[in-house]
Amino acid sequence: MHQLFRLVLGQKDLSRAGDLFSLDDSEIEDSLTEALEQIKIISSSSDYQTNNNDQAVVEICITRITTAIRETESIEKHAKALVGLWDSCLEHNLRPFGKDEDTPHAKIASDIMSCILQNYNRPPVMALAIPIAVKFLHRGNKDLCRNMSNYLSLAAITKADLLADHTEVIVKSILQGMVQKLSLGTCFRRHLKVFSSICGLWEARPRVLEAS
């Protein structure tokens, strides 16, 4: 791992975290998987949810890592570690504290979601990501659910068979959203794009859809 990542993550040194942006993407690309694994350790610690310094360090490092992954087009190389960090967020509370305040792990999930799922046209990445993505649909965070639904609808258009094993979960999420105590307009907008995924999944799992 690059020495600056080792310093920032090893010592949780917020004062040096910003210096990561002074490094070329190519200079740190080989370190990204190891850095993600270290972030997973930090974010899984018992005091992470109350440690503002650690949260700030993790937020900056994730931003730097996802930027480098995009710029170097190395998502397939680092997908396993990125999805592993994403999956670890499911072990923690994702429901907002207040009206607009996400939990620390919901912030991590949101920050890395687009980096993973914007690659909906890359089957190797989606094969890792989709089994985790569908789990976020029932974790009580409306923003995560809405954004996840948007990406899943795109994945269904380009590679519907990858979602076939998760059709039942997706349909139940749609139905659950439709009966929630929301205005009809809000509910419709939230799930409109997901309905398009049903068209792509119909041939793969018709019996599940009919039963739902």
Protein backbone atom coordinates (compact mmCIF):
# COMPACT_ATOMS: atom_id res chain seq x y z
CA MET A 1 0.00 0.00 0.00
CA HIS A 2 1.24 3.49 -0.81
CA GLN A 3 3.00 5.05 2.17
CA LEU A 4 0.56 7.95 2.36
CA PHE A 5 -2.44 5.62 2.46
CA ARG A 6 -0.61 3.59 5.09
CA LEU A 7 -0.06 6.73 7.17
CA VAL A 8 -3.57 8.13 6.81
CA LEU A 9 -5.40 4.85 7.39
CA GLY A 10 -2.95 3.31 9.82
CA GLN A 11 -2.86 6.35 12.09
CA LYS A 12 -6.26 7.70 11.05
CA ASP A 13 -4.51 10.98 10.36
CA LEU A 14 -7.14 13.42 9.18
CA SER A 15 -4.56 16.20 8.79
CA ARG A 16 -2.81 14.28 5.99
CA ALA A 17 -5.86 12.74 4.31
CA GLY A 18 -6.28 15.63 1.89
CA ASP A 19 -2.75 15.07 0.60
CA LEU A 20 -4.01 11.93 -1.14
CA PHE A 21 -5.47 14.16 -3.83
CA SER A 22 -2.01 15.48 -4.68
CA LEU A 23 -0.97 12.02 -5.90
CA ASP A 24 -1.47 10.85 -9.47
CA ASP A 25 -4.15 8.21 -9.93
CA SER A 26 -1.64 5.84 -11.49
CA GLU A 27 0.66 6.24 -8.48
CA ILE A 28 -1.92 4.85 -6.05
CA GLU A 29 -3.90 2.47 -8.27
CA ASP A 30 -2.05 -0.64 -7.09
CA SER A 31 -2.84 0.29 -3.47
CA LEU A 32 -6.60 0.66 -3.80
CA THR A 33 -7.66 -2.88 -2.90
CA GLU A 34 -5.51 -2.93 0.23
CA ALA A 35 -6.76 0.53 1.20
CA LEU A 36 -10.37 -0.62 0.83
CA GLU A 37 -9.68 -3.61 3.05
CA GLN A 38 -8.20 -1.31 5.69
CA ILE A 39 -11.23 0.98 5.49
CA LYS A 40 -13.44 -2.05 6.07
CA ILE A 41 -11.54 -2.80 9.28
CA ILE A 42 -11.84 0.80 10.48
CA SER A 43 -15.55 1.11 9.67
CA SER A 44 -16.30 -2.20 11.40
CA SER A 45 -14.78 -1.08 14.71
CA SER A 46 -17.12 -0.81 17.67
CA ASP A 47 -16.68 2.95 18.08
CA TYR A 48 -16.82 3.95 14.43
CA GLN A 49 -20.37 5.30 14.58
CA THR A 50 -19.38 7.82 17.26
CA ASN A 51 -15.86 8.63 16.07
CA ASN A 52 -16.03 11.74 13.91
CA ASN A 53 -12.32 11.68 13.07
CA ASP A 54 -12.42 8.11 11.74
CA GLN A 55 -15.57 8.86 9.75
CA ALA A 56 -13.93 11.90 8.13
CA VAL A 57 -10.80 9.91 7.27
CA VAL A 58 -12.87 7.14 5.71
CA GLU A 59 -15.02 9.57 3.75
CA ILE A 60 -11.99 11.32 2.24
CA CYS A 61 -10.23 8.06 1.44
CA ILE A 62 -13.30 6.58 -0.23
CA THR A 63 -13.67 9.68 -2.37
CA ARG A 64 -10.03 9.44 -3.41
CA ILE A 65 -10.27 5.71 -4.11
CA THR A 66 -13.45 5.87 -6.18
CA THR A 67 -12.02 8.78 -8.17
CA ALA A 68 -8.87 6.81 -8.93
CA ILE A 69 -10.88 3.74 -9.92
CA ARG A 70 -12.93 5.78 -12.38
CA GLU A 71 -9.94 7.61 -13.84
CA THR A 72 -7.82 4.48 -14.27
CA GLU A 73 -10.82 2.38 -15.36
CA SER A 74 -9.73 -0.32 -12.92
CA ILE A 75 -13.12 -1.25 -11.48
CA GLU A 76 -12.82 -4.92 -12.40
CA LYS A 77 -9.47 -5.17 -10.62
CA HIS A 78 -10.80 -3.67 -7.40
CA ALA A 79 -14.45 -4.74 -7.57
CA LYS A 80 -14.11 -7.56 -5.05
CA ALA A 81 -12.69 -5.29 -2.35
CA LEU A 82 -15.14 -2.48 -3.16
CA VAL A 83 -18.15 -4.80 -3.02
CA GLY A 84 -16.76 -6.35 0.16
CA LEU A 85 -16.75 -2.94 1.86
CA TRP A 86 -20.23 -2.27 0.50
CA ASP A 87 -21.48 -5.59 1.86
CA SER A 88 -20.05 -4.85 5.30
CA CYS A 89 -22.35 -1.81 5.55
CA LEU A 90 -25.31 -4.18 5.69
CA GLU A 91 -24.10 -5.39 9.08
CA HIS A 92 -24.85 -1.96 10.56
CA ASN A 93 -27.80 0.37 10.96
CA LEU A 94 -28.71 2.15 7.72
CA ARG A 95 -31.90 3.88 8.85
CA PRO A 96 -31.50 7.68 9.01
CA PHE A 97 -31.06 9.21 12.47
CA GLY A 98 -33.31 12.10 11.63
CA LYS A 99 -35.16 13.47 8.64
CA ASP A 100 -32.04 14.08 6.53
CA GLU A 101 -29.16 12.59 8.53
CA ASP A 102 -27.72 9.33 7.24
CA THR A 103 -25.87 6.95 9.51
CA PRO A 104 -22.09 6.62 8.99
CA HIS A 105 -22.47 3.28 7.22
CA ALA A 106 -25.29 4.55 5.03
CA LYS A 107 -22.91 7.31 3.91
CA ILE A 108 -20.27 4.74 2.99
CA ALA A 109 -22.82 2.68 1.07
CA SER A 110 -24.04 5.74 -0.79
CA ASP A 111 -20.54 7.00 -1.59
CA ILE A 112 -19.42 3.76 -3.24
CA MET A 113 -22.73 2.75 -4.81
CA SER A 114 -22.37 4.79 -7.98
CA CYS A 115 -18.75 3.73 -8.45
CA ILE A 116 -19.92 0.11 -8.51
CA LEU A 117 -23.30 0.26 -10.21
CA GLN A 118 -22.48 2.78 -12.92
CA ASN A 119 -20.66 -0.21 -14.40
CA TYR A 120 -23.98 -1.96 -15.06
CA ASN A 121 -22.67 -2.84 -18.54
CA ARG A 122 -19.76 -4.87 -17.11
CA PRO A 123 -21.03 -8.38 -16.31
CA PRO A 124 -18.07 -9.41 -14.09
CA VAL A 125 -18.66 -6.40 -11.84
CA MET A 126 -22.42 -6.87 -11.78
CA ALA A 127 -22.07 -10.55 -10.96
CA LEU A 128 -20.39 -9.49 -7.72
CA ALA A 129 -22.53 -6.45 -7.04
CA ILE A 130 -26.14 -7.47 -7.70
CA PRO A 131 -26.47 -10.08 -4.91
CA ILE A 132 -25.41 -7.32 -2.48
CA ALA A 133 -27.36 -4.51 -4.15
CA VAL A 134 -30.74 -6.20 -3.75
CA LYS A 135 -30.18 -6.52 0.01
CA PHE A 136 -30.23 -2.74 0.34
CA LEU A 137 -33.82 -2.63 -0.95
CA HIS A 138 -35.21 -3.69 2.44
CA ARG A 139 -32.95 -1.88 4.87
CA GLY A 140 -35.18 1.08 5.67
CA ASN A 141 -33.25 3.79 3.85
CA LYS A 142 -35.48 5.35 1.20
CA ASP A 143 -32.70 7.24 -0.59
CA LEU A 144 -30.52 4.15 -0.90
CA CYS A 145 -33.51 2.13 -2.06
CA ARG A 146 -34.49 4.69 -4.68
CA ASN A 147 -30.99 5.03 -6.09
CA MET A 148 -30.47 1.29 -6.03
CA SER A 149 -33.71 0.79 -7.95
CA ASN A 150 -32.54 3.19 -10.64
CA TYR A 151 -29.30 1.30 -11.16
CA LEU A 152 -30.97 -2.10 -11.08
CA SER A 153 -33.36 -1.04 -13.82
CA LEU A 154 -30.37 -0.16 -16.00
CA ALA A 155 -28.73 -3.48 -15.21
CA ALA A 156 -31.93 -5.28 -16.18
CA ILE A 157 -32.00 -3.57 -19.55
CA THR A 158 -28.41 -4.53 -20.42
CA LYS A 159 -28.04 -7.88 -18.65
CA ALA A 160 -31.37 -9.12 -17.31
CA ASP A 161 -30.14 -12.64 -16.62
CA LEU A 162 -27.89 -11.37 -13.81
CA LEU A 163 -30.98 -10.23 -11.92
CA ALA A 164 -33.03 -13.35 -12.62
CA ASP A 165 -32.18 -15.08 -9.33
CA HIS A 166 -33.25 -11.95 -7.44
CA THR A 167 -36.55 -11.31 -9.20
CA GLU A 168 -38.67 -12.14 -6.17
CA VAL A 169 -36.80 -9.71 -3.92
CA ILE A 170 -37.08 -6.93 -6.50
CA VAL A 171 -40.80 -7.46 -7.04
CA LYS A 172 -41.48 -7.55 -3.29
CA SER A 173 -39.62 -4.28 -2.92
CA ILE A 174 -41.81 -2.69 -5.58
CA LEU A 175 -44.99 -3.96 -3.95
CA GLN A 176 -43.86 -2.88 -0.51
CA GLY A 177 -43.16 0.61 -1.79
CA MET A 178 -46.55 0.79 -3.45
CA VAL A 179 -48.43 0.14 -0.21
CA GLN A 180 -46.37 2.40 2.04
CA LYS A 181 -48.02 5.51 3.44
CA LEU A 182 -46.67 7.79 0.75
CA SER A 183 -48.40 10.08 -1.68
CA LEU A 184 -49.33 8.33 -4.91
CA GLY A 185 -47.09 10.60 -6.95
CA THR A 186 -44.01 10.02 -4.79
CA CYS A 187 -44.56 6.29 -4.74
CA PHE A 188 -45.05 6.13 -8.49
CA ARG A 189 -41.92 8.13 -9.26
CA ARG A 190 -39.83 6.07 -6.88
CA HIS A 191 -40.66 2.78 -8.52
CA LEU A 192 -41.38 3.73 -12.10
CA LYS A 193 -37.91 2.84 -13.35
CA VAL A 194 -37.94 -0.46 -11.50
CA PHE A 195 -41.06 -1.52 -13.38
CA SER A 196 -38.96 -1.47 -16.52
CA SER A 197 -36.76 -4.15 -14.99
CA ILE A 198 -39.74 -6.51 -14.81
CA CYS A 199 -39.94 -6.47 -18.58
CA GLY A 200 -36.35 -7.62 -18.77
CA LEU A 201 -36.86 -10.31 -16.14
CA TRP A 202 -40.13 -11.71 -17.43
CA GLU A 203 -38.63 -14.30 -19.71
CA ALA A 204 -36.13 -15.43 -17.08
CA ARG A 205 -38.54 -15.79 -14.15
CA PRO A 206 -42.17 -15.69 -15.39
CA ARG A 207 -43.53 -17.92 -12.61
CA VAL A 208 -42.12 -15.75 -9.85
CA LEU A 209 -43.60 -12.64 -11.39
CA GLU A 210 -46.99 -14.25 -11.92
CA ALA A 211 -47.07 -15.49 -8.32
CA SER A 212 -46.20 -12.04 -7.03
